[in-house]
C-alpha cells in the first residue's frame, strides 16, 4: 500500500513517509537515507534550473520563471517535513 506514492512525486513521498503515520514509520537509518536522497534530489533540481537559465533564449524566460517559482513552492512545502531544506539549498 505504501508503494502507491512512489510515482506521485517528491511531496507525496514526504507526505507518505515523513508525516509520522504509524503505518509508514521508518527506522532512523532509513529516515536519514530518505531525507538525504530528497535533499540531493532538490539540490540537483536547483543546479538544473541554473543550467537552464544559462542555455535559454528570450522566448523561454516565462517558462524559466515558472520553473523557479515551482521550485520555490516545492521547497516551501517540503520544509514542513524537512525544515533543514531551507538552509541546505
PDB file of N, CA and C in Angstrom:
ATOM      1  N   UNK A   1       0.812  -1.193   0.000  1.00  0.00           N
ATOM      2  CA  UNK A   1       0.000   0.000   0.000  1.00  0.00           C
ATOM      3  C   UNK A   1       0.863   1.269   0.000  1.00  0.00           C
ATOM      4  N   UNK A   2       1.998   1.263   0.667  1.00  0.00           N
ATOM      5  CA  UNK A   2       2.872   2.429   0.676  1.00  0.00           C
ATOM      6  C   UNK A   2       3.414   2.734  -0.706  1.00  0.00           C
ATOM      7  N   UNK A   3       3.483   1.752  -1.564  1.00  0.00           N
ATOM      8  CA  UNK A   3       4.120   1.923  -2.870  1.00  0.00           C
ATOM      9  C   UNK A   3       3.314   2.774  -3.827  1.00  0.00           C
ATOM     10  N   UNK A   4       2.081   3.090  -3.506  1.00  0.00           N
ATOM     11  CA  UNK A   4       1.282   3.928  -4.399  1.00  0.00           C
ATOM     12  C   UNK A   4       1.847   5.340  -4.499  1.00  0.00           C
ATOM     13  N   UNK A   5       2.685   5.749  -3.556  1.00  0.00           N
ATOM     14  CA  UNK A   5       3.242   7.095  -3.548  1.00  0.00           C
ATOM     15  C   UNK A   5       4.501   7.238  -4.393  1.00  0.00           C
ATOM     16  N   UNK A   6       5.092   6.159  -4.811  1.00  0.00           N
ATOM     17  CA  UNK A   6       6.390   6.209  -5.466  1.00  0.00           C
ATOM     18  C   UNK A   6       6.373   7.070  -6.724  1.00  0.00           C
ATOM     19  N   UNK A   7       5.356   6.961  -7.550  1.00  0.00           N
ATOM     20  CA  UNK A   7       5.307   7.722  -8.792  1.00  0.00           C
ATOM     21  C   UNK A   7       4.528   9.025  -8.649  1.00  0.00           C
ATOM     22  N   UNK A   8       4.190   9.406  -7.463  1.00  0.00           N
ATOM     23  CA  UNK A   8       3.374  10.599  -7.240  1.00  0.00           C
ATOM     24  C   UNK A   8       4.181  11.873  -7.070  1.00  0.00           C
ATOM     25  N   UNK A   9       5.468  11.764  -6.876  1.00  0.00           N
ATOM     26  CA  UNK A   9       6.297  12.948  -6.737  1.00  0.00           C
ATOM     27  C   UNK A   9       6.870  13.097  -5.344  1.00  0.00           C
ATOM     28  N   UNK A  10       7.771  14.045  -5.244  1.00  0.00           N
ATOM     29  CA  UNK A  10       8.524  14.267  -4.018  1.00  0.00           C
ATOM     30  C   UNK A  10       7.608  14.621  -2.846  1.00  0.00           C
ATOM     31  N   UNK A  11       6.664  15.487  -3.069  1.00  0.00           N
ATOM     32  CA  UNK A  11       5.791  15.904  -1.980  1.00  0.00           C
ATOM     33  C   UNK A  11       4.954  14.734  -1.465  1.00  0.00           C
ATOM     34  N   UNK A  12       4.501  13.880  -2.356  1.00  0.00           N
ATOM     35  CA  UNK A  12       3.737  12.703  -1.930  1.00  0.00           C
ATOM     36  C   UNK A  12       4.601  11.733  -1.144  1.00  0.00           C
ATOM     37  N   UNK A  13       5.852  11.605  -1.534  1.00  0.00           N
ATOM     38  CA  UNK A  13       6.776  10.741  -0.782  1.00  0.00           C
ATOM     39  C   UNK A  13       6.941  11.284   0.629  1.00  0.00           C
ATOM     40  N   UNK A  14       7.125  12.595   0.750  1.00  0.00           N
ATOM     41  CA  UNK A  14       7.259  13.206   2.075  1.00  0.00           C
ATOM     42  C   UNK A  14       5.995  12.999   2.898  1.00  0.00           C
ATOM     43  N   UNK A  15       4.860  13.215   2.291  1.00  0.00           N
ATOM     44  CA  UNK A  15       3.595  13.031   2.994  1.00  0.00           C
ATOM     45  C   UNK A  15       3.453  11.591   3.469  1.00  0.00           C
ATOM     46  N   UNK A  16       3.825  10.655   2.613  1.00  0.00           N
ATOM     47  CA  UNK A  16       3.668   9.245   2.949  1.00  0.00           C
ATOM     48  C   UNK A  16       4.630   8.785   4.033  1.00  0.00           C
ATOM     49  N   UNK A  17       5.876   9.204   3.941  1.00  0.00           N
ATOM     50  CA  UNK A  17       6.895   8.619   4.806  1.00  0.00           C
ATOM     51  C   UNK A  17       7.397   9.527   5.927  1.00  0.00           C
ATOM     52  N   UNK A  18       7.109  10.806   5.855  1.00  0.00           N
ATOM     53  CA  UNK A  18       7.620  11.716   6.874  1.00  0.00           C
ATOM     54  C   UNK A  18       6.511  12.355   7.707  1.00  0.00           C
ATOM     55  N   UNK A  19       5.279  11.934   7.492  1.00  0.00           N
ATOM     56  CA  UNK A  19       4.159  12.529   8.221  1.00  0.00           C
ATOM     57  C   UNK A  19       3.991  11.962   9.621  1.00  0.00           C
ATOM     58  N   UNK A  20       4.685  10.864   9.912  1.00  0.00           N
ATOM     59  CA  UNK A  20       4.590  10.278  11.243  1.00  0.00           C
ATOM     60  C   UNK A  20       3.463   9.270  11.395  1.00  0.00           C
ATOM     61  N   UNK A  21       2.786   8.958  10.316  1.00  0.00           N
ATOM     62  CA  UNK A  21       1.729   7.953  10.374  1.00  0.00           C
ATOM     63  C   UNK A  21       2.325   6.611  10.793  1.00  0.00           C
ATOM     64  N   UNK A  22       1.688   5.893  11.712  1.00  0.00           N
ATOM     65  CA  UNK A  22       2.252   4.622  12.200  1.00  0.00           C
ATOM     66  C   UNK A  22       2.548   3.597  11.113  1.00  0.00           C
ATOM     67  N   UNK A  23       1.723   3.515  10.090  1.00  0.00           N
ATOM     68  CA  UNK A  23       1.909   2.503   9.042  1.00  0.00           C
ATOM     69  C   UNK A  23       3.119   2.786   8.159  1.00  0.00           C
ATOM     70  N   UNK A  24       3.579   4.024   8.172  1.00  0.00           N
ATOM     71  CA  UNK A  24       4.690   4.382   7.272  1.00  0.00           C
ATOM     72  C   UNK A  24       5.938   4.826   8.027  1.00  0.00           C
ATOM     73  N   UNK A  25       5.997   4.586   9.297  1.00  0.00           N
ATOM     74  CA  UNK A  25       7.190   4.981  10.062  1.00  0.00           C
ATOM     75  C   UNK A  25       8.405   4.196   9.594  1.00  0.00           C
ATOM     76  N   UNK A  26       9.481   4.901   9.457  1.00  0.00           N
ATOM     77  CA  UNK A  26      10.733   4.294   9.025  1.00  0.00           C
ATOM     78  C   UNK A  26      11.690   4.201  10.207  1.00  0.00           C
ATOM     79  N   UNK A  27      12.594   3.255  10.118  1.00  0.00           N
ATOM     80  CA  UNK A  27      13.665   3.208  11.123  1.00  0.00           C
ATOM     81  C   UNK A  27      14.520   4.450  10.943  1.00  0.00           C
ATOM     82  N   UNK A  28      15.254   4.803  11.973  1.00  0.00           N
ATOM     83  CA  UNK A  28      16.063   6.023  11.968  1.00  0.00           C
ATOM     84  C   UNK A  28      17.017   6.078  10.780  1.00  0.00           C
ATOM     85  N   UNK A  29      17.705   4.983  10.512  1.00  0.00           N
ATOM     86  CA  UNK A  29      18.651   4.954   9.395  1.00  0.00           C
ATOM     87  C   UNK A  29      17.932   5.143   8.063  1.00  0.00           C
ATOM     88  N   UNK A  30      16.792   4.504   7.897  1.00  0.00           N
ATOM     89  CA  UNK A  30      16.018   4.650   6.659  1.00  0.00           C
ATOM     90  C   UNK A  30      15.519   6.084   6.510  1.00  0.00           C
ATOM     91  N   UNK A  31      15.094   6.659   7.611  1.00  0.00           N
ATOM     92  CA  UNK A  31      14.616   8.031   7.598  1.00  0.00           C
ATOM     93  C   UNK A  31      15.723   8.989   7.163  1.00  0.00           C
ATOM     94  N   UNK A  32      16.914   8.815   7.715  1.00  0.00           N
ATOM     95  CA  UNK A  32      18.046   9.663   7.348  1.00  0.00           C
ATOM     96  C   UNK A  32      18.431   9.479   5.881  1.00  0.00           C
ATOM     97  N   UNK A  33      18.365   8.247   5.388  1.00  0.00           N
ATOM     98  CA  UNK A  33      18.676   7.986   3.974  1.00  0.00           C
ATOM     99  C   UNK A  33      17.647   8.655   3.066  1.00  0.00           C
ATOM    100  N   UNK A  34      16.381   8.588   3.435  1.00  0.00           N
ATOM    101  CA  UNK A  34      15.332   9.220   2.639  1.00  0.00           C
ATOM    102  C   UNK A  34      15.514  10.732   2.612  1.00  0.00           C
ATOM    103  N   UNK A  35      15.759  11.315   3.756  1.00  0.00           N
ATOM    104  CA  UNK A  35      15.959  12.761   3.818  1.00  0.00           C
ATOM    105  C   UNK A  35      17.179  13.176   2.998  1.00  0.00           C
ATOM    106  N   UNK A  36      18.264  12.425   3.104  1.00  0.00           N
ATOM    107  CA  UNK A  36      19.471  12.732   2.319  1.00  0.00           C
ATOM    108  C   UNK A  36      19.179  12.643   0.822  1.00  0.00           C
ATOM    109  N   UNK A  37      18.426  11.629   0.414  1.00  0.00           N
ATOM    110  CA  UNK A  37      18.085  11.469  -1.006  1.00  0.00           C
ATOM    111  C   UNK A  37      17.201  12.621  -1.484  1.00  0.00           C
ATOM    112  N   UNK A  38      16.257  13.044  -0.669  1.00  0.00           N
ATOM    113  CA  UNK A  38      15.391  14.158  -1.048  1.00  0.00           C
ATOM    114  C   UNK A  38      16.170  15.463  -1.137  1.00  0.00           C
ATOM    115  N   UNK A  39      17.084  15.682  -0.205  1.00  0.00           N
ATOM    116  CA  UNK A  39      17.924  16.880  -0.264  1.00  0.00           C
ATOM    117  C   UNK A  39      18.819  16.871  -1.504  1.00  0.00           C
ATOM    118  N   UNK A  40      19.360  15.716  -1.828  1.00  0.00           N
ATOM    119  CA  UNK A  40      20.194  15.601  -3.030  1.00  0.00           C
ATOM    120  C   UNK A  40      19.364  15.853  -4.285  1.00  0.00           C
ATOM    121  N   UNK A  41      18.170  15.291  -4.339  1.00  0.00           N
ATOM    122  CA  UNK A  41      17.277  15.495  -5.483  1.00  0.00           C
ATOM    123  C   UNK A  41      16.988  16.990  -5.678  1.00  0.00           C
ATOM    124  N   UNK A  42      16.679  17.674  -4.583  1.00  0.00           N
ATOM    125  CA  UNK A  42      16.361  19.095  -4.689  1.00  0.00           C
ATOM    126  C   UNK A  42      17.591  19.913  -5.079  1.00  0.00           C
ATOM    127  N   UNK A  43      18.762  19.518  -4.605  1.00  0.00           N
ATOM    128  CA  UNK A  43      19.998  20.215  -4.989  1.00  0.00           C
ATOM    129  C   UNK A  43      20.270  20.044  -6.479  1.00  0.00           C
ATOM    130  N   UNK A  44      20.017  18.859  -7.003  1.00  0.00           N
ATOM    131  CA  UNK A  44      20.194  18.606  -8.437  1.00  0.00           C
ATOM    132  C   UNK A  44      19.188  19.437  -9.234  1.00  0.00           C
ATOM    133  N   UNK A  45      17.964  19.509  -8.763  1.00  0.00           N
ATOM    134  CA  UNK A  45      16.960  20.334  -9.441  1.00  0.00           C
ATOM    135  C   UNK A  45      17.385  21.794  -9.475  1.00  0.00           C
ATOM    136  N   UNK A  46      17.923  22.279  -8.363  1.00  0.00           N
ATOM    137  CA  UNK A  46      18.373  23.675  -8.298  1.00  0.00           C
ATOM    138  C   UNK A  46      19.503  23.925  -9.301  1.00  0.00           C
ATOM    139  N   UNK A  47      20.440  22.989  -9.382  1.00  0.00           N
ATOM    140  CA  UNK A  47      21.530  23.124 -10.360  1.00  0.00           C
ATOM    141  C   UNK A  47      20.985  23.085 -11.779  1.00  0.00           C
ATOM    142  N   UNK A  48      20.016  22.224 -12.028  1.00  0.00           N
ATOM    143  CA  UNK A  48      19.428  22.122 -13.368  1.00  0.00           C
ATOM    144  C   UNK A  48      18.742  23.430 -13.765  1.00  0.00           C
ATOM    145  N   UNK A  49      18.098  24.072 -12.824  1.00  0.00           N
ATOM    146  CA  UNK A  49      17.453  25.359 -13.109  1.00  0.00           C
ATOM    147  C   UNK A  49      18.495  26.409 -13.463  1.00  0.00           C
ATOM    148  N   UNK A  50      19.629  26.387 -12.778  1.00  0.00           N
ATOM    149  CA  UNK A  50      20.712  27.331 -13.100  1.00  0.00           C
ATOM    150  C   UNK A  50      21.267  27.075 -14.506  1.00  0.00           C
ATOM    151  N   UNK A  51      21.468  25.807 -14.846  1.00  0.00           N
ATOM    152  CA  UNK A  51      21.958  25.456 -16.184  1.00  0.00           C
ATOM    153  C   UNK A  51      20.926  25.889 -17.229  1.00  0.00           C
ATOM    154  N   UNK A  52      19.675  25.628 -16.964  1.00  0.00           N
ATOM    155  CA  UNK A  52      18.607  26.014 -17.881  1.00  0.00           C
ATOM    156  C   UNK A  52      18.665  27.511 -18.162  1.00  0.00           C
ATOM    157  N   UNK A  53      18.865  28.305 -17.122  1.00  0.00           N
ATOM    158  CA  UNK A  53      18.928  29.757 -17.277  1.00  0.00           C
ATOM    159  C   UNK A  53      20.052  30.180 -18.222  1.00  0.00           C
ATOM    160  N   UNK A  54      21.181  29.505 -18.110  1.00  0.00           N
ATOM    161  CA  UNK A  54      22.321  29.846 -18.976  1.00  0.00           C
ATOM    162  C   UNK A  54      22.077  29.457 -20.434  1.00  0.00           C
ATOM    163  N   UNK A  55      21.230  28.478 -20.668  1.00  0.00           N
ATOM    164  CA  UNK A  55      21.045  27.954 -22.014  1.00  0.00           C
ATOM    165  C   UNK A  55      19.845  28.518 -22.775  1.00  0.00           C
ATOM    166  N   UNK A  56      18.938  29.163 -22.076  1.00  0.00           N
ATOM    167  CA  UNK A  56      17.696  29.574 -22.731  1.00  0.00           C
ATOM    168  C   UNK A  56      17.844  30.896 -23.472  1.00  0.00           C
ATOM    169  N   UNK A  57      16.907  31.085 -24.373  1.00  0.00           N
ATOM    170  CA  UNK A  57      16.811  32.357 -25.086  1.00  0.00           C
ATOM    171  C   UNK A  57      15.688  33.190 -24.503  1.00  0.00           C
ATOM    172  N   UNK A  58      15.501  34.333 -25.093  1.00  0.00           N
ATOM    173  CA  UNK A  58      14.475  35.274 -24.636  1.00  0.00           C
ATOM    174  C   UNK A  58      13.080  34.641 -24.616  1.00  0.00           C
ATOM    175  N   UNK A  59      12.811  33.797 -25.602  1.00  0.00           N
ATOM    176  CA  UNK A  59      11.476  33.191 -25.720  1.00  0.00           C
ATOM    177  C   UNK A  59      11.147  32.210 -24.594  1.00  0.00           C
ATOM    178  N   UNK A  60      12.149  31.795 -23.831  1.00  0.00           N
ATOM    179  CA  UNK A  60      11.925  30.822 -22.759  1.00  0.00           C
ATOM    180  C   UNK A  60      11.950  31.433 -21.362  1.00  0.00           C
ATOM    181  N   UNK A  61      12.031  32.749 -21.270  1.00  0.00           N
ATOM    182  CA  UNK A  61      12.112  33.410 -19.967  1.00  0.00           C
ATOM    183  C   UNK A  61      10.884  33.136 -19.094  1.00  0.00           C
ATOM    184  N   UNK A  62       9.706  33.160 -19.691  1.00  0.00           N
ATOM    185  CA  UNK A  62       8.483  32.920 -18.913  1.00  0.00           C
ATOM    186  C   UNK A  62       8.466  31.499 -18.353  1.00  0.00           C
ATOM    187  N   UNK A  63       8.854  30.533 -19.177  1.00  0.00           N
ATOM    188  CA  UNK A  63       8.916  29.148 -18.706  1.00  0.00           C
ATOM    189  C   UNK A  63       9.934  29.012 -17.577  1.00  0.00           C
ATOM    190  N   UNK A  64      11.069  29.688 -17.715  1.00  0.00           N
ATOM    191  CA  UNK A  64      12.090  29.623 -16.676  1.00  0.00           C
ATOM    192  C   UNK A  64      11.555  30.209 -15.364  1.00  0.00           C
ATOM    193  N   UNK A  65      10.839  31.296 -15.449  1.00  0.00           N
ATOM    194  CA  UNK A  65      10.239  31.898 -14.260  1.00  0.00           C
ATOM    195  C   UNK A  65       9.291  30.912 -13.590  1.00  0.00           C
ATOM    196  N   UNK A  66       8.534  30.176 -14.388  1.00  0.00           N
ATOM    197  CA  UNK A  66       7.639  29.155 -13.833  1.00  0.00           C
ATOM    198  C   UNK A  66       8.429  28.048 -13.142  1.00  0.00           C
ATOM    199  N   UNK A  67       9.551  27.655 -13.725  1.00  0.00           N
ATOM    200  CA  UNK A  67      10.404  26.645 -13.087  1.00  0.00           C
ATOM    201  C   UNK A  67      10.898  27.128 -11.726  1.00  0.00           C
ATOM    202  N   UNK A  68      11.380  28.356 -11.681  1.00  0.00           N
ATOM    203  CA  UNK A  68      11.897  28.921 -10.433  1.00  0.00           C
ATOM    204  C   UNK A  68      10.782  29.011  -9.397  1.00  0.00           C
ATOM    205  N   UNK A  69       9.628  29.503  -9.803  1.00  0.00           N
ATOM    206  CA  UNK A  69       8.505  29.617  -8.873  1.00  0.00           C
ATOM    207  C   UNK A  69       8.058  28.253  -8.368  1.00  0.00           C
ATOM    208  N   UNK A  70       8.015  27.269  -9.242  1.00  0.00           N
ATOM    209  CA  UNK A  70       7.645  25.919  -8.843  1.00  0.00           C
ATOM    210  C   UNK A  70       8.640  25.319  -7.873  1.00  0.00           C
ATOM    211  N   UNK A  71       9.924  25.550  -8.128  1.00  0.00           N
ATOM    212  CA  UNK A  71      10.963  25.048  -7.240  1.00  0.00           C
ATOM    213  C   UNK A  71      10.840  25.699  -5.862  1.00  0.00           C
ATOM    214  N   UNK A  72      10.629  27.005  -5.830  1.00  0.00           N
ATOM    215  CA  UNK A  72      10.485  27.710  -4.555  1.00  0.00           C
ATOM    216  C   UNK A  72       9.252  27.224  -3.792  1.00  0.00           C
ATOM    217  N   UNK A  73       8.180  26.991  -4.507  1.00  0.00           N
ATOM    218  CA  UNK A  73       6.954  26.490  -3.886  1.00  0.00           C
ATOM    219  C   UNK A  73       7.164  25.093  -3.314  1.00  0.00           C
ATOM    220  N   UNK A  74       7.803  24.233  -4.086  1.00  0.00           N
ATOM    221  CA  UNK A  74       8.068  22.872  -3.616  1.00  0.00           C
ATOM    222  C   UNK A  74       8.993  22.893  -2.404  1.00  0.00           C
ATOM    223  N   UNK A  75      10.009  23.736  -2.431  1.00  0.00           N
ATOM    224  CA  UNK A  75      10.923  23.852  -1.298  1.00  0.00           C
ATOM    225  C   UNK A  75      10.162  24.277  -0.044  1.00  0.00           C
ATOM    226  N   UNK A  76       9.268  25.232  -0.184  1.00  0.00           N
ATOM    227  CA  UNK A  76       8.470  25.686   0.963  1.00  0.00           C
ATOM    228  C   UNK A  76       7.592  24.555   1.499  1.00  0.00           C
ATOM    229  N   UNK A  77       6.977  23.799   0.602  1.00  0.00           N
ATOM    230  CA  UNK A  77       6.134  22.668   1.030  1.00  0.00           C
ATOM    231  C   UNK A  77       6.961  21.592   1.724  1.00  0.00           C
ATOM    232  N   UNK A  78       8.124  21.291   1.173  1.00  0.00           N
ATOM    233  CA  UNK A  78       8.977  20.258   1.755  1.00  0.00           C
ATOM    234  C   UNK A  78       9.527  20.672   3.111  1.00  0.00           C
ATOM    235  N   UNK A  79       9.650  21.975   3.334  1.00  0.00           N
ATOM    236  CA  UNK A  79      10.201  22.449   4.607  1.00  0.00           C
ATOM    237  C   UNK A  79       9.304  22.079   5.783  1.00  0.00           C
ATOM    238  N   UNK A  80       8.045  21.771   5.521  1.00  0.00           N
ATOM    239  CA  UNK A  80       7.150  21.300   6.591  1.00  0.00           C
ATOM    240  C   UNK A  80       7.590  19.933   7.091  1.00  0.00           C
ATOM    241  N   UNK A  81       8.195  19.154   6.216  1.00  0.00           N
ATOM    242  CA  UNK A  81       8.645  17.800   6.552  1.00  0.00           C
ATOM    243  C   UNK A  81      10.142  17.756   6.849  1.00  0.00           C
ATOM    244  N   UNK A  82      10.895  18.615   6.155  1.00  0.00           N
ATOM    245  CA  UNK A  82      12.366  18.640   6.306  1.00  0.00           C
ATOM    246  C   UNK A  82      12.766  20.104   6.509  1.00  0.00           C
ATOM    247  N   UNK A  83      12.682  20.611   7.740  1.00  0.00           N
ATOM    248  CA  UNK A  83      12.996  22.025   7.971  1.00  0.00           C
ATOM    249  C   UNK A  83      14.400  22.424   7.499  1.00  0.00           C
ATOM    250  N   UNK A  84      15.337  21.503   7.556  1.00  0.00           N
ATOM    251  CA  UNK A  84      16.709  21.801   7.155  1.00  0.00           C
ATOM    252  C   UNK A  84      16.828  22.134   5.668  1.00  0.00           C
ATOM    253  N   UNK A  85      15.814  21.832   4.892  1.00  0.00           N
ATOM    254  CA  UNK A  85      15.898  22.069   3.446  1.00  0.00           C
ATOM    255  C   UNK A  85      16.094  23.559   3.149  1.00  0.00           C
ATOM    256  N   UNK A  86      15.564  24.409   4.009  1.00  0.00           N
ATOM    257  CA  UNK A  86      15.684  25.844   3.773  1.00  0.00           C
ATOM    258  C   UNK A  86      17.126  26.323   3.898  1.00  0.00           C
ATOM    259  N   UNK A  87      17.893  25.708   4.764  1.00  0.00           N
ATOM    260  CA  UNK A  87      19.293  26.116   4.904  1.00  0.00           C
ATOM    261  C   UNK A  87      20.230  25.308   4.009  1.00  0.00           C
ATOM    262  N   UNK A  88      19.787  24.142   3.576  1.00  0.00           N
ATOM    263  CA  UNK A  88      20.619  23.269   2.732  1.00  0.00           C
ATOM    264  C   UNK A  88      20.649  23.738   1.282  1.00  0.00           C
ATOM    265  N   UNK A  89      19.573  24.356   0.826  1.00  0.00           N
ATOM    266  CA  UNK A  89      19.502  24.757  -0.576  1.00  0.00           C
ATOM    267  C   UNK A  89      19.853  26.190  -0.686  1.00  0.00           C
TER     268      UNK A  89
END
